[in-house]
């Protein structure tokens, strides 16, 4: 792969704006692990190796188990995730793949039931932010390791 420009060097204000999408304060409805599940799952869907590597490491730091990380791309097939996490993961996938069906009414209702409107808004922003980073990392051939 050819080396490509660094967005951090070329357009630091854009990077600052993307980072500003992180709306989580002390009043966040989401745990650190829930935030990392969003980042990992969206990155899996988008096939962003750089972000998968980064966020699986971060999830481990917050106490996420290896088993749950390994099974995340098959979350529907296991009972390792709570009903709230399952709603969060469904929303992550539907928003990441927005052109397929959009965010379904059923998933929307389930997320509101578990997280409330504020939590749903925080999930939406977390999904939007990681999707932006995935697209940048893939487009610019970010390398890991």
C-alpha atoms as a PDB file:
ATOM      1  CA  UNK A   1       0.000   0.000   0.000  1.00  0.00           C
ATOM      2  CA  UNK A   2       1.202   3.461  -0.837  1.00  0.00           C
ATOM      3  CA  UNK A   3       1.744   5.946   1.939  1.00  0.00           C
ATOM      4  CA  UNK A   4      -0.981   8.573   1.944  1.00  0.00           C
ATOM      5  CA  UNK A   5      -1.285  11.961   3.578  1.00  0.00           C
ATOM      6  CA  UNK A   6      -1.945  12.335   7.289  1.00  0.00           C
ATOM      7  CA  UNK A   7      -5.234  14.045   8.019  1.00  0.00           C
ATOM      8  CA  UNK A   8      -3.805  14.998  11.422  1.00  0.00           C
ATOM      9  CA  UNK A   9      -1.030  16.954   9.679  1.00  0.00           C
ATOM     10  CA  UNK A  10      -2.890  18.128   6.581  1.00  0.00           C
ATOM     11  CA  UNK A  11      -6.153  19.233   8.167  1.00  0.00           C
ATOM     12  CA  UNK A  12      -5.882  19.289  11.986  1.00  0.00           C
ATOM     13  CA  UNK A  13      -9.081  21.321  12.320  1.00  0.00           C
ATOM     14  CA  UNK A  14     -11.012  18.451  10.726  1.00  0.00           C
ATOM     15  CA  UNK A  15      -9.574  16.025  13.257  1.00  0.00           C
ATOM     16  CA  UNK A  16     -10.521  18.425  16.050  1.00  0.00           C
ATOM     17  CA  UNK A  17     -14.086  18.617  14.693  1.00  0.00           C
ATOM     18  CA  UNK A  18     -14.397  14.827  14.519  1.00  0.00           C
ATOM     19  CA  UNK A  19     -13.138  14.520  18.071  1.00  0.00           C
ATOM     20  CA  UNK A  20     -15.770  17.084  19.099  1.00  0.00           C
ATOM     21  CA  UNK A  21     -18.429  14.539  18.119  1.00  0.00           C
ATOM     22  CA  UNK A  22     -17.492  12.698  21.308  1.00  0.00           C
ATOM     23  CA  UNK A  23     -20.345  13.977  23.452  1.00  0.00           C
ATOM     24  CA  UNK A  24     -19.782  11.802  26.498  1.00  0.00           C
ATOM     25  CA  UNK A  25     -19.507  13.642  29.749  1.00  0.00           C
ATOM     26  CA  UNK A  26     -19.945  12.585  33.328  1.00  0.00           C
ATOM     27  CA  UNK A  27     -23.667  12.171  32.667  1.00  0.00           C
ATOM     28  CA  UNK A  28     -23.212   9.595  29.898  1.00  0.00           C
ATOM     29  CA  UNK A  29     -25.808   6.843  29.733  1.00  0.00           C
ATOM     30  CA  UNK A  30     -23.179   4.500  28.276  1.00  0.00           C
ATOM     31  CA  UNK A  31     -20.430   2.603  30.028  1.00  0.00           C
ATOM     32  CA  UNK A  32     -16.915   2.557  28.618  1.00  0.00           C
ATOM     33  CA  UNK A  33     -17.423  -1.053  27.555  1.00  0.00           C
ATOM     34  CA  UNK A  34     -20.672  -0.196  25.756  1.00  0.00           C
ATOM     35  CA  UNK A  35     -18.875   2.589  23.894  1.00  0.00           C
ATOM     36  CA  UNK A  36     -16.114   0.178  22.870  1.00  0.00           C
ATOM     37  CA  UNK A  37     -18.655  -2.431  21.724  1.00  0.00           C
ATOM     38  CA  UNK A  38     -20.087   0.206  19.380  1.00  0.00           C
ATOM     39  CA  UNK A  39     -16.636   1.063  18.039  1.00  0.00           C
ATOM     40  CA  UNK A  40     -15.566  -2.534  17.563  1.00  0.00           C
ATOM     41  CA  UNK A  41     -18.800  -3.684  15.921  1.00  0.00           C
ATOM     42  CA  UNK A  42     -19.000  -0.766  13.483  1.00  0.00           C
ATOM     43  CA  UNK A  43     -15.329  -1.265  12.643  1.00  0.00           C
ATOM     44  CA  UNK A  44     -15.958  -4.969  11.984  1.00  0.00           C
ATOM     45  CA  UNK A  45     -18.858  -4.142   9.661  1.00  0.00           C
ATOM     46  CA  UNK A  46     -16.674  -1.581   7.852  1.00  0.00           C
ATOM     47  CA  UNK A  47     -13.652  -3.927   7.871  1.00  0.00           C
ATOM     48  CA  UNK A  48     -11.368  -1.337   9.426  1.00  0.00           C
ATOM     49  CA  UNK A  49      -8.446  -3.321  10.841  1.00  0.00           C
ATOM     50  CA  UNK A  50      -6.796  -0.250  12.363  1.00  0.00           C
ATOM     51  CA  UNK A  51      -9.895   0.623  14.429  1.00  0.00           C
ATOM     52  CA  UNK A  52     -10.678  -2.990  15.344  1.00  0.00           C
ATOM     53  CA  UNK A  53      -7.157  -3.342  16.721  1.00  0.00           C
ATOM     54  CA  UNK A  54      -7.349  -0.063  18.638  1.00  0.00           C
ATOM     55  CA  UNK A  55     -10.766  -0.610  20.173  1.00  0.00           C
ATOM     56  CA  UNK A  56     -10.329  -4.264  21.120  1.00  0.00           C
ATOM     57  CA  UNK A  57      -7.249  -3.160  23.044  1.00  0.00           C
ATOM     58  CA  UNK A  58      -9.238  -0.356  24.685  1.00  0.00           C
ATOM     59  CA  UNK A  59     -12.092  -2.732  25.542  1.00  0.00           C
ATOM     60  CA  UNK A  60      -9.665  -5.075  27.280  1.00  0.00           C
ATOM     61  CA  UNK A  61      -8.335  -2.148  29.330  1.00  0.00           C
ATOM     62  CA  UNK A  62     -11.901  -1.498  30.530  1.00  0.00           C
ATOM     63  CA  UNK A  63     -12.338  -5.143  31.533  1.00  0.00           C
ATOM     64  CA  UNK A  64     -14.059  -6.635  28.494  1.00  0.00           C
ATOM     65  CA  UNK A  65     -13.477 -10.383  28.168  1.00  0.00           C
ATOM     66  CA  UNK A  66     -11.684 -12.081  25.319  1.00  0.00           C
ATOM     67  CA  UNK A  67     -14.680 -14.337  24.715  1.00  0.00           C
ATOM     68  CA  UNK A  68     -17.099 -11.442  24.242  1.00  0.00           C
ATOM     69  CA  UNK A  69     -14.635  -9.658  21.940  1.00  0.00           C
ATOM     70  CA  UNK A  70     -14.139 -12.805  19.844  1.00  0.00           C
ATOM     71  CA  UNK A  71     -17.873 -13.410  19.539  1.00  0.00           C
ATOM     72  CA  UNK A  72     -18.910  -9.841  18.853  1.00  0.00           C
ATOM     73  CA  UNK A  73     -19.357 -10.346  15.125  1.00  0.00           C
ATOM     74  CA  UNK A  74     -21.797 -13.173  15.957  1.00  0.00           C
ATOM     75  CA  UNK A  75     -23.567 -11.439  18.852  1.00  0.00           C
ATOM     76  CA  UNK A  76     -27.018 -12.588  17.725  1.00  0.00           C
ATOM     77  CA  UNK A  77     -25.942 -16.224  18.135  1.00  0.00           C
ATOM     78  CA  UNK A  78     -24.900 -16.006  21.786  1.00  0.00           C
ATOM     79  CA  UNK A  79     -26.414 -15.086  25.115  1.00  0.00           C
ATOM     80  CA  UNK A  80     -23.217 -13.345  26.295  1.00  0.00           C
ATOM     81  CA  UNK A  81     -24.661  -9.878  25.663  1.00  0.00           C
ATOM     82  CA  UNK A  82     -27.368  -8.244  27.758  1.00  0.00           C
ATOM     83  CA  UNK A  83     -30.666  -7.129  26.212  1.00  0.00           C
ATOM     84  CA  UNK A  84     -29.440  -3.518  26.395  1.00  0.00           C
ATOM     85  CA  UNK A  85     -26.176  -4.414  24.645  1.00  0.00           C
ATOM     86  CA  UNK A  86     -28.108  -6.333  21.979  1.00  0.00           C
ATOM     87  CA  UNK A  87     -30.234  -3.250  21.283  1.00  0.00           C
ATOM     88  CA  UNK A  88     -27.113  -1.088  21.154  1.00  0.00           C
ATOM     89  CA  UNK A  89     -25.413  -3.515  18.741  1.00  0.00           C
ATOM     90  CA  UNK A  90     -28.486  -3.702  16.505  1.00  0.00           C
ATOM     91  CA  UNK A  91     -28.572   0.091  16.301  1.00  0.00           C
ATOM     92  CA  UNK A  92     -24.844   0.178  15.591  1.00  0.00           C
ATOM     93  CA  UNK A  93     -25.225  -2.194  12.660  1.00  0.00           C
ATOM     94  CA  UNK A  94     -28.341  -0.555  11.237  1.00  0.00           C
ATOM     95  CA  UNK A  95     -26.879   2.947  11.360  1.00  0.00           C
ATOM     96  CA  UNK A  96     -23.508   1.754  10.010  1.00  0.00           C
ATOM     97  CA  UNK A  97     -25.315   0.072   7.103  1.00  0.00           C
ATOM     98  CA  UNK A  98     -27.821   2.913   6.760  1.00  0.00           C
ATOM     99  CA  UNK A  99     -28.410   2.317   3.045  1.00  0.00           C
ATOM    100  CA  UNK A 100     -29.761  -1.179   3.588  1.00  0.00           C
ATOM    101  CA  UNK A 101     -32.852  -0.439   5.653  1.00  0.00           C
ATOM    102  CA  UNK A 102     -32.123   2.504   7.890  1.00  0.00           C
ATOM    103  CA  UNK A 103     -32.754   2.391  11.612  1.00  0.00           C
ATOM    104  CA  UNK A 104     -35.793   0.173  12.077  1.00  0.00           C
ATOM    105  CA  UNK A 105     -38.681   1.208  14.298  1.00  0.00           C
ATOM    106  CA  UNK A 106     -38.252  -1.970  16.356  1.00  0.00           C
ATOM    107  CA  UNK A 107     -34.578  -1.287  17.075  1.00  0.00           C
ATOM    108  CA  UNK A 108     -35.298   2.378  17.790  1.00  0.00           C
ATOM    109  CA  UNK A 109     -37.982   1.441  20.338  1.00  0.00           C
ATOM    110  CA  UNK A 110     -35.727  -1.142  21.978  1.00  0.00           C
ATOM    111  CA  UNK A 111     -32.864   1.340  22.338  1.00  0.00           C
ATOM    112  CA  UNK A 112     -35.197   3.966  23.827  1.00  0.00           C
ATOM    113  CA  UNK A 113     -36.537   1.359  26.256  1.00  0.00           C
ATOM    114  CA  UNK A 114     -33.049   0.512  27.524  1.00  0.00           C
ATOM    115  CA  UNK A 115     -31.246   3.846  27.262  1.00  0.00           C
ATOM    116  CA  UNK A 116     -33.884   6.582  27.025  1.00  0.00           C
ATOM    117  CA  UNK A 117     -33.783   9.389  24.501  1.00  0.00           C
ATOM    118  CA  UNK A 118     -30.513  10.828  25.847  1.00  0.00           C
ATOM    119  CA  UNK A 119     -28.818   7.436  25.677  1.00  0.00           C
ATOM    120  CA  UNK A 120     -30.144   6.804  22.166  1.00  0.00           C
ATOM    121  CA  UNK A 121     -28.735  10.154  21.056  1.00  0.00           C
ATOM    122  CA  UNK A 122     -25.368   9.261  22.602  1.00  0.00           C
ATOM    123  CA  UNK A 123     -25.369   5.895  20.818  1.00  0.00           C
ATOM    124  CA  UNK A 124     -26.183   7.585  17.514  1.00  0.00           C
ATOM    125  CA  UNK A 125     -23.320  10.049  17.917  1.00  0.00           C
ATOM    126  CA  UNK A 126     -20.887   7.273  18.915  1.00  0.00           C
ATOM    127  CA  UNK A 127     -21.861   5.271  15.819  1.00  0.00           C
ATOM    128  CA  UNK A 128     -21.541   8.339  13.599  1.00  0.00           C
ATOM    129  CA  UNK A 129     -18.118   9.189  15.003  1.00  0.00           C
ATOM    130  CA  UNK A 130     -16.601   5.715  14.594  1.00  0.00           C
ATOM    131  CA  UNK A 131     -17.975   5.489  11.073  1.00  0.00           C
ATOM    132  CA  UNK A 132     -16.172   8.737  10.218  1.00  0.00           C
ATOM    133  CA  UNK A 133     -12.929   7.392  11.696  1.00  0.00           C
ATOM    134  CA  UNK A 134     -13.348   4.064   9.851  1.00  0.00           C
ATOM    135  CA  UNK A 135     -13.708   5.854   6.542  1.00  0.00           C
ATOM    136  CA  UNK A 136     -10.648   8.000   7.196  1.00  0.00           C
ATOM    137  CA  UNK A 137      -8.497   5.092   8.393  1.00  0.00           C
ATOM    138  CA  UNK A 138      -9.425   2.889   5.434  1.00  0.00           C
ATOM    139  CA  UNK A 139      -9.094   5.691   2.854  1.00  0.00           C
ATOM    140  CA  UNK A 140      -5.670   6.748   4.129  1.00  0.00           C
ATOM    141  CA  UNK A 141      -4.336   3.193   4.696  1.00  0.00           C
ATOM    142  CA  UNK A 142      -3.791   3.603   8.424  1.00  0.00           C
ATOM    143  CA  UNK A 143      -1.471   0.869   9.641  1.00  0.00           C
ATOM    144  CA  UNK A 144      -1.403  -0.810  13.021  1.00  0.00           C
ATOM    145  CA  UNK A 145       0.940  -3.008  14.938  1.00  0.00           C
END
